């Protein structure tokens, strides 16, 4: 934050404080964390770690200053390297300006879908991470995370923010939900009900997660 002092008579001190406050606001805006939208399939395929779990505690990280250690109880490891088969902690920077994650719920029994990365052999999340209550996901999204996405990470969801837009490869599916400018793209049509799947002939297409093909996953998707 820059400090600008302009002493102009008796009112100089007050003017300095006003300038300091303005610059502080501008600095916070400049340093704020901006997160781009991602289709849930992209979230899954790009994340080294994906699990269902409960946040049961948090404290300052003893090993690294300015980090928060979240204690979690993983109820299902969906995707992770072998050495992460028992996830007990996830870590995040404290400061919001460094994209620090702030857990929104005090309910220790509430399950979340957590997609994180690995930093220094620890599971890392930030304010841009896909960390959402499991109960808020649609049945299609649950099927995707538990059964479908992992089989089709050779496909790529390409975002379309303005027209014209087109795929660059037969292995891409065009995600047009961003054109609708909705507040939550995770709740939009293609994000909730479609997956980009490989047909088997080196071509990927959108396929409905409501399809009978995935009907046998109803029990595990609850």
C-alpha atoms as a PDB file:
ATOM      1  CA  UNK A   1       0.000   0.000   0.000  1.00  0.00           C
ATOM      2  CA  UNK A   2       1.396   3.417  -0.921  1.00  0.00           C
ATOM      3  CA  UNK A   3       1.482   6.198   1.666  1.00  0.00           C
ATOM      4  CA  UNK A   4       0.986   9.729   0.429  1.00  0.00           C
ATOM      5  CA  UNK A   5       1.290  12.574   2.947  1.00  0.00           C
ATOM      6  CA  UNK A   6       0.313  16.079   1.955  1.00  0.00           C
ATOM      7  CA  UNK A   7       0.511  18.525   4.808  1.00  0.00           C
ATOM      8  CA  UNK A   8      -1.732  21.478   4.025  1.00  0.00           C
ATOM      9  CA  UNK A   9      -2.231  23.542   7.135  1.00  0.00           C
ATOM     10  CA  UNK A  10      -4.377  22.249  10.014  1.00  0.00           C
ATOM     11  CA  UNK A  11      -6.409  20.065   7.681  1.00  0.00           C
ATOM     12  CA  UNK A  12      -3.319  18.281   6.375  1.00  0.00           C
ATOM     13  CA  UNK A  13      -3.588  15.309   8.701  1.00  0.00           C
ATOM     14  CA  UNK A  14      -7.211  14.620   7.791  1.00  0.00           C
ATOM     15  CA  UNK A  15      -6.410  14.902   4.082  1.00  0.00           C
ATOM     16  CA  UNK A  16      -3.543  12.432   4.507  1.00  0.00           C
ATOM     17  CA  UNK A  17      -5.845   9.896   6.138  1.00  0.00           C
ATOM     18  CA  UNK A  18      -8.386  10.226   3.342  1.00  0.00           C
ATOM     19  CA  UNK A  19      -5.721   9.667   0.690  1.00  0.00           C
ATOM     20  CA  UNK A  20      -4.381   6.677   2.633  1.00  0.00           C
ATOM     21  CA  UNK A  21      -7.847   5.113   2.824  1.00  0.00           C
ATOM     22  CA  UNK A  22      -8.441   5.620  -0.896  1.00  0.00           C
ATOM     23  CA  UNK A  23      -5.106   4.080  -1.816  1.00  0.00           C
ATOM     24  CA  UNK A  24      -5.802   1.205   0.554  1.00  0.00           C
ATOM     25  CA  UNK A  25      -9.083   0.451  -1.184  1.00  0.00           C
ATOM     26  CA  UNK A  26      -7.425   0.637  -4.577  1.00  0.00           C
ATOM     27  CA  UNK A  27      -4.667  -1.692  -3.405  1.00  0.00           C
ATOM     28  CA  UNK A  28      -7.153  -4.265  -2.110  1.00  0.00           C
ATOM     29  CA  UNK A  29      -9.001  -4.157  -5.406  1.00  0.00           C
ATOM     30  CA  UNK A  30      -5.769  -4.577  -7.348  1.00  0.00           C
ATOM     31  CA  UNK A  31      -4.670  -7.504  -5.186  1.00  0.00           C
ATOM     32  CA  UNK A  32      -8.032  -9.258  -5.035  1.00  0.00           C
ATOM     33  CA  UNK A  33      -8.245 -12.814  -6.332  1.00  0.00           C
ATOM     34  CA  UNK A  34     -10.010 -13.258  -9.662  1.00  0.00           C
ATOM     35  CA  UNK A  35     -11.273 -16.733 -10.526  1.00  0.00           C
ATOM     36  CA  UNK A  36     -12.245 -17.830 -14.003  1.00  0.00           C
ATOM     37  CA  UNK A  37     -15.158 -20.229 -14.594  1.00  0.00           C
ATOM     38  CA  UNK A  38     -14.463 -23.921 -15.170  1.00  0.00           C
ATOM     39  CA  UNK A  39     -16.728 -26.758 -16.167  1.00  0.00           C
ATOM     40  CA  UNK A  40     -16.882 -29.409 -13.400  1.00  0.00           C
ATOM     41  CA  UNK A  41     -15.283 -31.920 -15.772  1.00  0.00           C
ATOM     42  CA  UNK A  42     -12.317 -29.567 -16.244  1.00  0.00           C
ATOM     43  CA  UNK A  43     -12.156 -29.147 -12.469  1.00  0.00           C
ATOM     44  CA  UNK A  44     -11.944 -32.912 -12.015  1.00  0.00           C
ATOM     45  CA  UNK A  45      -9.437 -33.590 -14.778  1.00  0.00           C
ATOM     46  CA  UNK A  46      -7.139 -30.678 -13.877  1.00  0.00           C
ATOM     47  CA  UNK A  47      -7.097 -31.368 -10.123  1.00  0.00           C
ATOM     48  CA  UNK A  48      -4.615 -33.889  -8.667  1.00  0.00           C
ATOM     49  CA  UNK A  49      -6.869 -34.430  -5.642  1.00  0.00           C
ATOM     50  CA  UNK A  50     -10.668 -34.727  -5.493  1.00  0.00           C
ATOM     51  CA  UNK A  51     -12.508 -36.025  -2.444  1.00  0.00           C
ATOM     52  CA  UNK A  52     -15.699 -35.853  -0.418  1.00  0.00           C
ATOM     53  CA  UNK A  53     -15.210 -34.804   3.142  1.00  0.00           C
ATOM     54  CA  UNK A  54     -16.144 -32.758   6.184  1.00  0.00           C
ATOM     55  CA  UNK A  55     -14.322 -29.735   7.580  1.00  0.00           C
ATOM     56  CA  UNK A  56     -13.998 -30.433  11.300  1.00  0.00           C
ATOM     57  CA  UNK A  57     -11.480 -27.833  12.446  1.00  0.00           C
ATOM     58  CA  UNK A  58      -8.956 -25.183  11.499  1.00  0.00           C
ATOM     59  CA  UNK A  59      -5.897 -23.519  13.017  1.00  0.00           C
ATOM     60  CA  UNK A  60      -2.759 -21.635  12.081  1.00  0.00           C
ATOM     61  CA  UNK A  61      -0.274 -23.834  10.284  1.00  0.00           C
ATOM     62  CA  UNK A  62       2.736 -24.479  12.540  1.00  0.00           C
ATOM     63  CA  UNK A  63       5.045 -25.382   9.662  1.00  0.00           C
ATOM     64  CA  UNK A  64       4.348 -22.406   7.430  1.00  0.00           C
ATOM     65  CA  UNK A  65       3.617 -18.848   8.516  1.00  0.00           C
ATOM     66  CA  UNK A  66       0.517 -17.130   7.119  1.00  0.00           C
ATOM     67  CA  UNK A  67      -1.125 -20.436   6.194  1.00  0.00           C
ATOM     68  CA  UNK A  68      -4.273 -22.030   7.596  1.00  0.00           C
ATOM     69  CA  UNK A  69      -4.489 -25.743   8.320  1.00  0.00           C
ATOM     70  CA  UNK A  70      -7.976 -27.217   7.888  1.00  0.00           C
ATOM     71  CA  UNK A  71      -8.625 -30.550   9.541  1.00  0.00           C
ATOM     72  CA  UNK A  72     -10.886 -32.689   7.378  1.00  0.00           C
ATOM     73  CA  UNK A  73     -12.505 -36.089   7.547  1.00  0.00           C
ATOM     74  CA  UNK A  74     -12.437 -37.571   4.061  1.00  0.00           C
ATOM     75  CA  UNK A  75     -15.454 -39.795   3.504  1.00  0.00           C
ATOM     76  CA  UNK A  76     -14.495 -40.791  -0.047  1.00  0.00           C
ATOM     77  CA  UNK A  77     -11.245 -40.288  -1.949  1.00  0.00           C
ATOM     78  CA  UNK A  78     -12.387 -39.886  -5.542  1.00  0.00           C
ATOM     79  CA  UNK A  79      -9.051 -39.022  -7.136  1.00  0.00           C
ATOM     80  CA  UNK A  80      -5.580 -38.785  -5.579  1.00  0.00           C
ATOM     81  CA  UNK A  81      -2.048 -40.205  -5.795  1.00  0.00           C
ATOM     82  CA  UNK A  82      -1.530 -43.388  -3.773  1.00  0.00           C
ATOM     83  CA  UNK A  83       0.285 -41.586  -0.970  1.00  0.00           C
ATOM     84  CA  UNK A  84      -2.819 -39.439  -0.371  1.00  0.00           C
ATOM     85  CA  UNK A  85      -5.182 -42.299   0.424  1.00  0.00           C
ATOM     86  CA  UNK A  86      -5.921 -40.868   3.884  1.00  0.00           C
ATOM     87  CA  UNK A  87      -6.394 -37.107   3.662  1.00  0.00           C
ATOM     88  CA  UNK A  88      -6.633 -35.500   7.102  1.00  0.00           C
ATOM     89  CA  UNK A  89      -5.562 -31.918   6.418  1.00  0.00           C
ATOM     90  CA  UNK A  90      -5.781 -29.342   3.644  1.00  0.00           C
ATOM     91  CA  UNK A  91      -3.930 -26.036   3.570  1.00  0.00           C
ATOM     92  CA  UNK A  92      -4.574 -22.534   2.281  1.00  0.00           C
ATOM     93  CA  UNK A  93      -2.999 -19.083   2.562  1.00  0.00           C
ATOM     94  CA  UNK A  94      -4.601 -16.988   5.282  1.00  0.00           C
ATOM     95  CA  UNK A  95      -4.865 -13.715   3.395  1.00  0.00           C
ATOM     96  CA  UNK A  96      -7.686 -13.123   0.942  1.00  0.00           C
ATOM     97  CA  UNK A  97      -5.291 -11.065  -1.187  1.00  0.00           C
ATOM     98  CA  UNK A  98      -3.336 -14.310  -1.687  1.00  0.00           C
ATOM     99  CA  UNK A  99      -6.523 -16.165  -2.607  1.00  0.00           C
ATOM    100  CA  UNK A 100      -6.885 -17.629   0.870  1.00  0.00           C
ATOM    101  CA  UNK A 101      -9.843 -19.973   1.306  1.00  0.00           C
ATOM    102  CA  UNK A 102     -12.449 -18.992   3.912  1.00  0.00           C
ATOM    103  CA  UNK A 103     -14.650 -21.931   4.878  1.00  0.00           C
ATOM    104  CA  UNK A 104     -18.304 -20.779   4.777  1.00  0.00           C
ATOM    105  CA  UNK A 105     -19.888 -23.319   7.115  1.00  0.00           C
ATOM    106  CA  UNK A 106     -19.593 -24.105  10.829  1.00  0.00           C
ATOM    107  CA  UNK A 107     -21.534 -27.348  10.361  1.00  0.00           C
ATOM    108  CA  UNK A 108     -18.949 -30.077  10.944  1.00  0.00           C
ATOM    109  CA  UNK A 109     -21.283 -32.785   9.656  1.00  0.00           C
ATOM    110  CA  UNK A 110     -21.808 -31.145   6.249  1.00  0.00           C
ATOM    111  CA  UNK A 111     -20.077 -32.918   3.369  1.00  0.00           C
ATOM    112  CA  UNK A 112     -18.183 -30.995   0.704  1.00  0.00           C
ATOM    113  CA  UNK A 113     -16.758 -31.917  -2.671  1.00  0.00           C
ATOM    114  CA  UNK A 114     -13.157 -30.680  -2.548  1.00  0.00           C
ATOM    115  CA  UNK A 115     -10.875 -30.382  -5.579  1.00  0.00           C
ATOM    116  CA  UNK A 116      -7.350 -29.371  -4.655  1.00  0.00           C
ATOM    117  CA  UNK A 117      -3.768 -29.311  -5.814  1.00  0.00           C
ATOM    118  CA  UNK A 118      -0.570 -30.620  -4.234  1.00  0.00           C
ATOM    119  CA  UNK A 119       2.057 -28.205  -2.898  1.00  0.00           C
ATOM    120  CA  UNK A 120       5.075 -29.445  -0.918  1.00  0.00           C
ATOM    121  CA  UNK A 121       3.400 -32.841  -0.471  1.00  0.00           C
ATOM    122  CA  UNK A 122       0.311 -31.242   1.071  1.00  0.00           C
ATOM    123  CA  UNK A 123      -3.209 -30.816  -0.293  1.00  0.00           C
ATOM    124  CA  UNK A 124      -3.711 -27.153  -1.124  1.00  0.00           C
ATOM    125  CA  UNK A 125      -6.908 -25.182  -1.766  1.00  0.00           C
ATOM    126  CA  UNK A 126      -7.618 -21.508  -2.316  1.00  0.00           C
ATOM    127  CA  UNK A 127     -10.573 -19.221  -2.936  1.00  0.00           C
ATOM    128  CA  UNK A 128     -10.691 -20.323  -6.587  1.00  0.00           C
ATOM    129  CA  UNK A 129     -10.814 -24.019  -5.723  1.00  0.00           C
ATOM    130  CA  UNK A 130     -13.945 -26.058  -6.357  1.00  0.00           C
ATOM    131  CA  UNK A 131     -15.125 -26.584  -2.772  1.00  0.00           C
ATOM    132  CA  UNK A 132     -18.916 -26.920  -2.682  1.00  0.00           C
ATOM    133  CA  UNK A 133     -21.476 -28.653  -0.460  1.00  0.00           C
ATOM    134  CA  UNK A 134     -22.066 -32.150  -1.801  1.00  0.00           C
ATOM    135  CA  UNK A 135     -25.808 -31.747  -1.322  1.00  0.00           C
ATOM    136  CA  UNK A 136     -25.900 -28.798  -3.744  1.00  0.00           C
ATOM    137  CA  UNK A 137     -24.512 -30.789  -6.675  1.00  0.00           C
ATOM    138  CA  UNK A 138     -27.017 -32.162  -9.149  1.00  0.00           C
ATOM    139  CA  UNK A 139     -27.362 -35.906  -9.619  1.00  0.00           C
ATOM    140  CA  UNK A 140     -25.650 -35.482 -12.981  1.00  0.00           C
ATOM    141  CA  UNK A 141     -22.663 -33.716 -11.425  1.00  0.00           C
ATOM    142  CA  UNK A 142     -22.379 -36.386  -8.735  1.00  0.00           C
ATOM    143  CA  UNK A 143     -22.401 -39.051 -11.433  1.00  0.00           C
ATOM    144  CA  UNK A 144     -19.766 -37.083 -13.287  1.00  0.00           C
ATOM    145  CA  UNK A 145     -17.383 -36.825 -10.346  1.00  0.00           C
ATOM    146  CA  UNK A 146     -17.918 -40.408  -9.171  1.00  0.00           C
ATOM    147  CA  UNK A 147     -18.117 -42.274 -12.459  1.00  0.00           C
ATOM    148  CA  UNK A 148     -17.863 -40.371 -15.729  1.00  0.00           C
ATOM    149  CA  UNK A 149     -15.290 -37.569 -15.759  1.00  0.00           C
ATOM    150  CA  UNK A 150     -12.322 -39.830 -14.953  1.00  0.00           C
ATOM    151  CA  UNK A 151     -12.945 -41.911 -18.074  1.00  0.00           C
ATOM    152  CA  UNK A 152     -12.904 -38.921 -20.400  1.00  0.00           C
ATOM    153  CA  UNK A 153     -10.041 -36.670 -19.345  1.00  0.00           C
ATOM    154  CA  UNK A 154      -8.649 -37.066 -22.860  1.00  0.00           C
ATOM    155  CA  UNK A 155     -11.510 -34.773 -23.876  1.00  0.00           C
ATOM    156  CA  UNK A 156     -11.290 -31.033 -23.305  1.00  0.00           C
ATOM    157  CA  UNK A 157     -14.063 -28.575 -22.496  1.00  0.00           C
ATOM    158  CA  UNK A 158     -13.373 -25.371 -24.408  1.00  0.00           C
ATOM    159  CA  UNK A 159     -14.947 -22.223 -22.983  1.00  0.00           C
ATOM    160  CA  UNK A 160     -16.850 -19.849 -25.236  1.00  0.00           C
ATOM    161  CA  UNK A 161     -17.108 -16.296 -23.888  1.00  0.00           C
ATOM    162  CA  UNK A 162     -18.061 -14.478 -27.099  1.00  0.00           C
ATOM    163  CA  UNK A 163     -19.178 -15.306 -30.610  1.00  0.00           C
ATOM    164  CA  UNK A 164     -17.924 -16.504 -32.962  1.00  0.00           C
ATOM    165  CA  UNK A 165     -16.216 -19.403 -31.208  1.00  0.00           C
ATOM    166  CA  UNK A 166     -15.352 -22.893 -32.351  1.00  0.00           C
ATOM    167  CA  UNK A 167     -13.457 -25.986 -31.288  1.00  0.00           C
ATOM    168  CA  UNK A 168      -9.833 -26.392 -32.359  1.00  0.00           C
ATOM    169  CA  UNK A 169      -9.772 -30.169 -32.144  1.00  0.00           C
ATOM    170  CA  UNK A 170     -12.205 -33.091 -32.471  1.00  0.00           C
ATOM    171  CA  UNK A 171     -11.341 -33.867 -28.848  1.00  0.00           C
ATOM    172  CA  UNK A 172     -12.953 -30.625 -27.675  1.00  0.00           C
ATOM    173  CA  UNK A 173     -16.529 -29.810 -26.677  1.00  0.00           C
ATOM    174  CA  UNK A 174     -17.678 -26.198 -26.855  1.00  0.00           C
ATOM    175  CA  UNK A 175     -18.943 -24.867 -23.514  1.00  0.00           C
ATOM    176  CA  UNK A 176     -21.392 -22.099 -24.372  1.00  0.00           C
ATOM    177  CA  UNK A 177     -22.854 -21.552 -20.894  1.00  0.00           C
ATOM    178  CA  UNK A 178     -20.484 -18.562 -20.324  1.00  0.00           C
ATOM    179  CA  UNK A 179     -22.321 -16.706 -23.103  1.00  0.00           C
ATOM    180  CA  UNK A 180     -25.378 -16.541 -20.840  1.00  0.00           C
ATOM    181  CA  UNK A 181     -23.441 -14.459 -18.265  1.00  0.00           C
ATOM    182  CA  UNK A 182     -25.087 -16.255 -15.368  1.00  0.00           C
ATOM    183  CA  UNK A 183     -23.979 -15.584 -11.827  1.00  0.00           C
ATOM    184  CA  UNK A 184     -23.069 -19.217 -11.200  1.00  0.00           C
ATOM    185  CA  UNK A 185     -21.856 -21.149 -14.221  1.00  0.00           C
ATOM    186  CA  UNK A 186     -21.615 -24.285 -12.093  1.00  0.00           C
ATOM    187  CA  UNK A 187     -25.416 -24.242 -11.974  1.00  0.00           C
ATOM    188  CA  UNK A 188     -25.861 -23.697 -15.719  1.00  0.00           C
ATOM    189  CA  UNK A 189     -27.198 -26.299 -18.145  1.00  0.00           C
ATOM    190  CA  UNK A 190     -24.047 -27.813 -19.633  1.00  0.00           C
ATOM    191  CA  UNK A 191     -22.283 -27.727 -16.265  1.00  0.00           C
ATOM    192  CA  UNK A 192     -25.049 -29.576 -14.429  1.00  0.00           C
ATOM    193  CA  UNK A 193     -26.239 -32.139 -16.961  1.00  0.00           C
ATOM    194  CA  UNK A 194     -23.568 -32.751 -19.612  1.00  0.00           C
ATOM    195  CA  UNK A 195     -20.142 -34.371 -19.871  1.00  0.00           C
ATOM    196  CA  UNK A 196     -17.684 -34.218 -22.755  1.00  0.00           C
ATOM    197  CA  UNK A 197     -17.134 -37.886 -23.627  1.00  0.00           C
ATOM    198  CA  UNK A 198     -14.993 -39.738 -26.139  1.00  0.00           C
ATOM    199  CA  UNK A 199     -17.103 -41.672 -28.618  1.00  0.00           C
ATOM    200  CA  UNK A 200     -14.229 -44.053 -29.259  1.00  0.00           C
ATOM    201  CA  UNK A 201     -13.320 -42.739 -32.721  1.00  0.00           C
ATOM    202  CA  UNK A 202     -11.001 -39.962 -31.539  1.00  0.00           C
ATOM    203  CA  UNK A 203     -13.922 -37.564 -31.268  1.00  0.00           C
ATOM    204  CA  UNK A 204     -15.508 -36.064 -28.159  1.00  0.00           C
ATOM    205  CA  UNK A 205     -19.131 -34.986 -27.928  1.00  0.00           C
ATOM    206  CA  UNK A 206     -21.490 -33.732 -25.247  1.00  0.00           C
ATOM    207  CA  UNK A 207     -23.438 -36.535 -23.604  1.00  0.00           C
ATOM    208  CA  UNK A 208     -26.228 -36.179 -21.068  1.00  0.00           C
ATOM    209  CA  UNK A 209     -25.398 -37.317 -17.550  1.00  0.00           C
ATOM    210  CA  UNK A 210     -29.088 -38.186 -17.261  1.00  0.00           C
ATOM    211  CA  UNK A 211     -28.562 -40.941 -19.826  1.00  0.00           C
ATOM    212  CA  UNK A 212     -29.576 -44.509 -19.020  1.00  0.00           C
ATOM    213  CA  UNK A 213     -25.914 -45.358 -19.526  1.00  0.00           C
ATOM    214  CA  UNK A 214     -25.228 -43.932 -16.076  1.00  0.00           C
ATOM    215  CA  UNK A 215     -28.447 -45.058 -14.389  1.00  0.00           C
ATOM    216  CA  UNK A 216     -26.639 -47.768 -12.420  1.00  0.00           C
ATOM    217  CA  UNK A 217     -24.704 -45.079 -10.539  1.00  0.00           C
ATOM    218  CA  UNK A 218     -27.766 -43.744  -8.726  1.00  0.00           C
ATOM    219  CA  UNK A 219     -26.913 -45.476  -5.470  1.00  0.00           C
ATOM    220  CA  UNK A 220     -23.341 -44.194  -5.290  1.00  0.00           C
ATOM    221  CA  UNK A 221     -24.248 -40.673  -6.348  1.00  0.00           C
ATOM    222  CA  UNK A 222     -26.404 -39.871  -3.341  1.00  0.00           C
END
